[in-house]
Amino acid sequence: MSCLSLAPIYATDWTVIRFGVDPSYAPFESKAPDGNLVGLDIDIGSAICAQLKVKCVSMESPRGSLILGLKARKFDGILS
């Protein structure tokens, strides 16, 4: 499941995109031994941010709280 907030905003207005992720679903997202988030979804988020030329921040959240966090604007999108 991947989704972005539907708030009326243009990509040129963004400087940072915050993605909510649950790192307990390897190989899609997990924590490397050094503590960094890794996986397919993290790579997709990084590619989106690179294309938009913005900073990408992955924020850990339990899977059951991802939608609530998105609705509360804790993050801008979900990669999970």
Foldseek 3Di string as FASTA:
>chain_A
DKDFDPPPDDLVPAQEFEEEEAQPDPPQWHADPVGDIHHVLVVVQVVVCVVSVHHYHYDYDHPVCRVVCCVVPVGGMYRD
